[in-house]
Protein backbone atom coordinates (compact mmCIF):
# COMPACT_ATOMS: atom_id res chain seq x y z
CA MET A 1 81.45 81.84 94.44
CA LYS A 2 83.97 84.47 95.37
CA LYS A 3 86.25 84.22 98.37
CA TYR A 4 87.75 87.28 100.02
CA LYS A 5 89.88 87.74 103.09
CA LEU A 6 87.72 89.05 105.88
CA ARG A 7 90.15 88.85 108.79
CA GLY A 8 92.75 90.77 106.79
CA LEU A 9 90.37 93.70 106.31
CA VAL A 10 89.88 94.07 110.05
CA SER A 11 93.63 93.79 110.68
CA ILE A 12 94.48 96.37 108.01
CA ALA A 13 91.93 98.79 109.47
CA GLY A 14 93.63 98.33 112.85
CA TRP A 15 97.05 99.09 111.38
CA ILE A 16 95.79 102.24 109.65
CA ILE A 17 94.16 103.53 112.84
CA LEU A 18 97.29 102.65 114.85
CA VAL A 19 99.58 104.64 112.55
CA PHE A 20 97.22 107.62 112.64
CA GLY A 21 96.90 107.41 116.43
CA LEU A 22 100.68 107.29 116.92
CA MET A 23 101.10 110.36 114.71
CA VAL A 24 98.48 112.24 116.75
CA ILE A 25 100.12 111.18 120.05
CA THR A 26 103.50 112.37 118.79
CA ASP A 27 102.04 115.72 117.78
CA GLY A 28 100.22 116.04 121.11
CA VAL A 29 103.37 115.38 123.14
CA TYR A 30 105.32 117.85 120.99
CA ASP A 31 102.63 120.52 121.40
CA MET A 32 102.45 119.90 125.12
CA PHE A 33 106.14 120.44 125.85
CA TRP A 34 107.80 122.29 122.97
CA GLY A 35 105.21 123.51 120.47
CA GLU A 36 103.34 126.75 120.25
CA PRO A 37 100.59 128.04 117.98
CA GLU A 38 101.49 129.71 114.69
CA SER A 39 99.66 132.83 115.82
CA ASN A 40 102.61 133.53 118.15
CA MET A 41 104.75 134.26 115.07
CA PHE A 42 102.36 136.96 113.88
CA SER A 43 101.58 138.75 117.13
CA PHE A 44 103.42 141.50 118.97
CA TYR A 45 103.89 139.33 122.05
CA LYS A 46 103.52 135.61 122.64
CA TRP A 47 100.18 134.10 123.63
CA GLN A 48 98.25 137.18 122.52
CA PHE A 49 95.62 135.35 120.43
CA VAL A 50 95.71 131.86 121.91
CA SER A 51 96.35 131.59 125.63
CA LEU A 52 98.71 129.05 127.10
CA GLN A 53 95.76 127.36 128.84
CA GLN A 54 93.89 126.98 125.54
CA TRP A 55 96.98 125.52 123.91
CA ALA A 56 97.47 123.06 126.77
CA ASN A 57 93.83 121.97 126.45
CA TYR A 58 94.34 121.39 122.72
CA ALA A 59 97.51 119.35 123.35
CA ARG A 60 95.70 117.22 125.93
CA PHE A 61 92.86 116.64 123.49
CA GLU A 62 95.36 115.44 120.87
CA LEU A 63 96.97 113.09 123.36
CA ILE A 64 93.66 111.60 124.48
CA TYR A 65 92.44 111.27 120.89
CA GLY A 66 95.60 109.41 119.92
CA LEU A 67 95.26 107.07 122.91
CA CYS A 68 91.66 106.35 121.92
CA CYS A 69 92.87 105.41 118.44
CA VAL A 70 95.36 102.98 119.99
CA LEU A 71 92.57 101.46 122.10
CA ILE A 72 90.37 101.07 119.03
CA THR A 73 93.27 99.29 117.33
CA ALA A 74 93.57 96.86 120.25
CA TYR A 75 89.83 96.20 120.01
CA LEU A 76 90.00 95.61 116.25
CA TRP A 77 92.91 93.19 116.59
CA GLY A 78 91.01 91.28 119.28
CA LEU A 79 87.95 91.25 117.04
CA SER A 80 89.97 90.00 114.08
CA LYS A 81 90.75 86.80 115.98
CA LYS A 82 87.02 86.07 116.22
CA VAL A 83 86.21 86.89 112.59
CA PRO A 84 86.44 84.02 110.08
CA GLU A 85 89.49 83.96 107.83
CA TYR A 86 87.54 84.05 104.56
CA GLY A 87 84.16 85.37 103.55
CA VAL A 88 82.21 83.88 100.68
CA THR A 89 79.69 85.59 98.44
CA LYS A 90 77.64 84.47 95.47
CA GLU A 91 78.92 85.66 92.12
CA GLY A 92 76.50 88.54 91.55
CA SER A 93 75.62 89.60 95.09
CA LEU A 94 78.51 91.86 96.03
């Protein structure tokens, strides 16, 4: 029989999603207050290709997406407390 850590897999998945979510939140906050699209560097005047409203919608989407990732992390960590510590399989089944 093989033993493998089951609770650790759920916890690691939570950490990975948390790191990704925090990066997305950081980018969303930056885009919301200080950032601008790259198309502004290649146009004759700012906001010619992408309007400020479209950019604000994109920044809000990033912020909400990052917050959803943080909520999924909280769910996974709560779930990891209910999952058994070790899983067991037969030698040739996995």
